[in-house]
Amino acid sequence: MRTLRGKTEVRRLHKEQRANARDLEIAFFLQDWDDPYNVGGMFRVADAVGARELFLTGNTPQPPHPQISVTSLGHHRRIRYQHWAKHEDAAVAAKEAGYQLVAIEIADDAVNYAEFAYPEKVCFVLGNEERGLYGTVLKHCNAAIYIPMFGKGRSMNVHVAAAVVGFRARLD
């Protein structure tokens, strides 16, 4: 194994990976997130997987919050976002934009994320860090997927879960 040296080699590798990635439109829906650091991390994840936009709802912090800026490392300026006071209004807007809403949540009929057939235009819906997705949002989702846990914890950090699923969809 060889370590990549220099920006030119890294750019070449990224270009090759983009050429082999699946062409789909990705968005993320952040329902009532509490932690601005998670939101900042989500902007970085969104940029990394080539997402088009973020739907921020309810009490989810939004730029120019200083903790978002620190964590996002400027990615909050690259990814389009909109904020809705009402979660259901954002869900309707996402569907009207042509997205299939896919909840990342342990729910009835949820499918293992590694076995799911991702649609061409997908908006991943992620709930509150402690309370998960509200039923009022879940009812708008076309499907639900889950990430199996192999340790003692029940779940992982919300923006990390988004990264796992976003990359799986893009590279599937």
Protein backbone atom coordinates (compact mmCIF):
# COMPACT_ATOMS: atom_id res chain seq x y z
CA MET A 1 0.00 0.00 0.00
CA ARG A 2 1.30 3.41 -0.97
CA THR A 3 0.49 6.68 0.76
CA LEU A 4 -0.76 9.39 -1.58
CA ARG A 5 1.51 12.39 -1.67
CA GLY A 6 0.48 15.80 -2.85
CA LYS A 7 -2.73 17.43 -3.93
CA THR A 8 -2.40 16.31 -7.55
CA GLU A 9 -2.54 12.63 -6.62
CA VAL A 10 -5.48 13.17 -4.27
CA ARG A 11 -7.39 15.14 -6.95
CA ARG A 12 -6.76 12.34 -9.47
CA LEU A 13 -8.07 9.74 -7.02
CA HIS A 14 -11.19 11.81 -6.26
CA LYS A 15 -11.84 12.31 -9.98
CA GLU A 16 -11.65 8.54 -10.57
CA GLN A 17 -14.02 7.89 -7.69
CA ARG A 18 -16.56 10.44 -8.95
CA ALA A 19 -16.47 8.80 -12.38
CA ASN A 20 -17.36 5.45 -10.80
CA ALA A 21 -20.02 6.77 -8.41
CA ARG A 22 -23.72 6.38 -9.00
CA ASP A 23 -25.42 9.44 -10.48
CA LEU A 24 -28.24 10.34 -8.13
CA GLU A 25 -29.57 13.41 -6.34
CA ILE A 26 -29.17 13.35 -2.58
CA ALA A 27 -30.67 15.66 0.04
CA PHE A 28 -30.88 15.42 3.82
CA PHE A 29 -33.78 16.35 6.09
CA LEU A 30 -32.78 17.32 9.65
CA GLN A 31 -35.83 17.14 11.92
CA ASP A 32 -35.47 19.12 15.13
CA TRP A 33 -31.75 18.55 15.71
CA ASP A 34 -30.50 20.03 18.97
CA ASP A 35 -26.74 20.20 18.53
CA PRO A 36 -25.22 22.84 16.23
CA TYR A 37 -22.01 20.78 16.07
CA ASN A 38 -24.02 17.93 14.54
CA VAL A 39 -25.49 20.37 12.02
CA GLY A 40 -21.99 21.61 11.13
CA GLY A 41 -20.83 18.01 10.71
CA MET A 42 -23.85 17.37 8.51
CA PHE A 43 -22.83 20.17 6.14
CA ARG A 44 -19.44 18.45 5.76
CA VAL A 45 -21.08 15.07 5.17
CA ALA A 46 -23.48 16.59 2.63
CA ASP A 47 -20.58 18.06 0.67
CA ALA A 48 -18.59 14.81 0.88
CA VAL A 49 -21.40 12.71 -0.64
CA GLY A 50 -22.31 15.36 -3.22
CA ALA A 51 -25.70 16.23 -1.72
CA ARG A 52 -27.67 19.07 -3.30
CA GLU A 53 -29.38 20.50 -0.24
CA LEU A 54 -30.40 20.27 3.38
CA PHE A 55 -33.93 20.66 4.71
CA LEU A 56 -33.66 22.05 8.26
CA THR A 57 -36.82 21.93 10.35
CA GLY A 58 -38.21 23.04 13.67
CA ASN A 59 -35.56 23.97 16.22
CA THR A 60 -32.61 22.77 14.13
CA PRO A 61 -29.86 25.42 14.38
CA GLN A 62 -28.91 27.08 11.12
CA PRO A 63 -26.07 29.25 9.83
CA PRO A 64 -24.66 31.70 10.80
CA HIS A 65 -24.56 29.93 14.17
CA PRO A 66 -20.88 30.06 15.29
CA GLN A 67 -20.70 26.38 16.29
CA ILE A 68 -21.97 25.35 12.84
CA SER A 69 -19.31 27.49 11.17
CA VAL A 70 -16.54 25.98 13.31
CA THR A 71 -17.56 22.38 12.65
CA SER A 72 -18.53 22.73 9.00
CA LEU A 73 -15.15 24.23 8.05
CA GLY A 74 -16.91 26.43 5.49
CA HIS A 75 -19.01 23.68 3.92
CA HIS A 76 -22.15 25.51 5.10
CA ARG A 77 -21.39 27.98 2.30
CA ARG A 78 -21.29 25.21 -0.34
CA ILE A 79 -24.49 23.35 0.39
CA ARG A 80 -27.86 24.94 -0.18
CA TYR A 81 -30.20 24.80 2.78
CA GLN A 82 -33.67 25.94 3.68
CA HIS A 83 -35.39 26.15 7.03
CA TRP A 84 -39.04 25.39 7.81
CA ALA A 85 -40.68 26.01 11.16
CA LYS A 86 -43.06 23.09 10.53
CA HIS A 87 -41.65 19.64 9.81
CA GLU A 88 -44.57 18.60 7.66
CA ASP A 89 -44.20 21.67 5.42
CA ALA A 90 -40.60 20.64 4.73
CA ALA A 91 -41.65 17.05 3.99
CA VAL A 92 -44.25 18.26 1.51
CA ALA A 93 -41.71 20.64 -0.10
CA ALA A 94 -39.18 17.82 -0.48
CA LYS A 95 -41.76 15.57 -2.11
CA GLU A 96 -42.90 18.39 -4.41
CA ALA A 97 -39.25 18.78 -5.45
CA GLY A 98 -39.38 15.14 -6.57
CA TYR A 99 -37.51 13.50 -3.70
CA GLN A 100 -38.38 10.09 -2.31
CA LEU A 101 -38.20 10.47 1.48
CA VAL A 102 -36.24 7.67 3.13
CA ALA A 103 -36.13 7.64 6.92
CA ILE A 104 -32.96 6.48 8.64
CA GLU A 105 -34.77 5.05 11.62
CA ILE A 106 -35.64 1.76 13.27
CA ALA A 107 -39.28 1.56 12.25
CA ASP A 108 -41.84 -1.01 11.15
CA ASP A 109 -40.81 -2.49 7.79
CA ALA A 110 -37.39 -0.78 7.89
CA VAL A 111 -34.82 -2.41 5.59
CA ASN A 112 -31.12 -2.90 6.25
CA TYR A 113 -29.38 0.05 4.55
CA ALA A 114 -27.01 -2.34 2.74
CA GLU A 115 -29.94 -4.15 1.09
CA PHE A 116 -32.03 -1.14 0.12
CA ALA A 117 -32.60 -0.12 -3.53
CA TYR A 118 -31.91 3.63 -3.43
CA PRO A 119 -34.05 5.81 -5.69
CA GLU A 120 -32.48 8.23 -8.19
CA LYS A 121 -33.64 11.27 -6.20
CA VAL A 122 -33.52 10.60 -2.47
CA CYS A 123 -33.89 12.72 0.64
CA PHE A 124 -32.64 10.97 3.77
CA VAL A 125 -34.72 11.93 6.80
CA LEU A 126 -32.91 12.03 10.13
CA GLY A 127 -34.68 12.67 13.42
CA ASN A 128 -33.80 14.37 16.64
CA GLU A 129 -30.63 13.07 18.32
CA GLU A 130 -32.50 11.72 21.35
CA ARG A 131 -36.13 11.28 20.31
CA GLY A 132 -35.71 10.09 16.71
CA LEU A 133 -38.26 10.82 14.02
CA TYR A 134 -41.68 12.10 14.92
CA GLY A 135 -44.67 10.16 13.63
CA THR A 136 -45.88 13.28 11.82
CA VAL A 137 -42.70 13.20 9.71
CA LEU A 138 -42.40 9.42 9.39
CA LYS A 139 -45.85 9.20 7.78
CA HIS A 140 -44.51 11.24 4.84
CA CYS A 141 -41.62 8.84 4.22
CA ASN A 142 -41.69 6.43 1.31
CA ALA A 143 -39.43 3.93 3.10
CA ALA A 144 -37.29 3.44 6.18
CA ILE A 145 -33.81 1.97 6.50
CA TYR A 146 -31.66 1.11 9.49
CA ILE A 147 -27.97 0.55 10.17
CA PRO A 148 -27.30 -2.62 12.18
CA MET A 149 -25.27 -2.12 15.36
CA PHE A 150 -22.71 -4.72 16.38
CA GLY A 151 -21.57 -3.22 19.67
CA LYS A 152 -23.49 -2.50 22.84
CA GLY A 153 -24.81 0.90 21.72
CA ARG A 154 -28.24 1.25 20.12
CA SER A 155 -27.19 3.87 17.60
CA MET A 156 -24.41 6.10 16.31
CA ASN A 157 -24.09 9.86 16.01
CA VAL A 158 -26.76 11.20 13.66
CA HIS A 159 -24.44 12.84 11.12
CA VAL A 160 -22.22 9.75 11.11
CA ALA A 161 -25.28 7.64 10.27
CA ALA A 162 -26.01 10.06 7.43
CA ALA A 163 -22.47 9.60 6.11
CA VAL A 164 -22.69 5.80 6.20
CA VAL A 165 -25.97 5.78 4.30
CA GLY A 166 -25.08 8.62 1.92
CA PHE A 167 -21.88 6.93 0.78
CA ARG A 168 -23.64 3.57 0.43
CA ALA A 169 -26.29 5.14 -1.81
CA ARG A 170 -23.68 6.99 -3.89
CA LEU A 171 -21.35 4.01 -4.31
CA ASP A 172 -23.94 1.21 -4.51
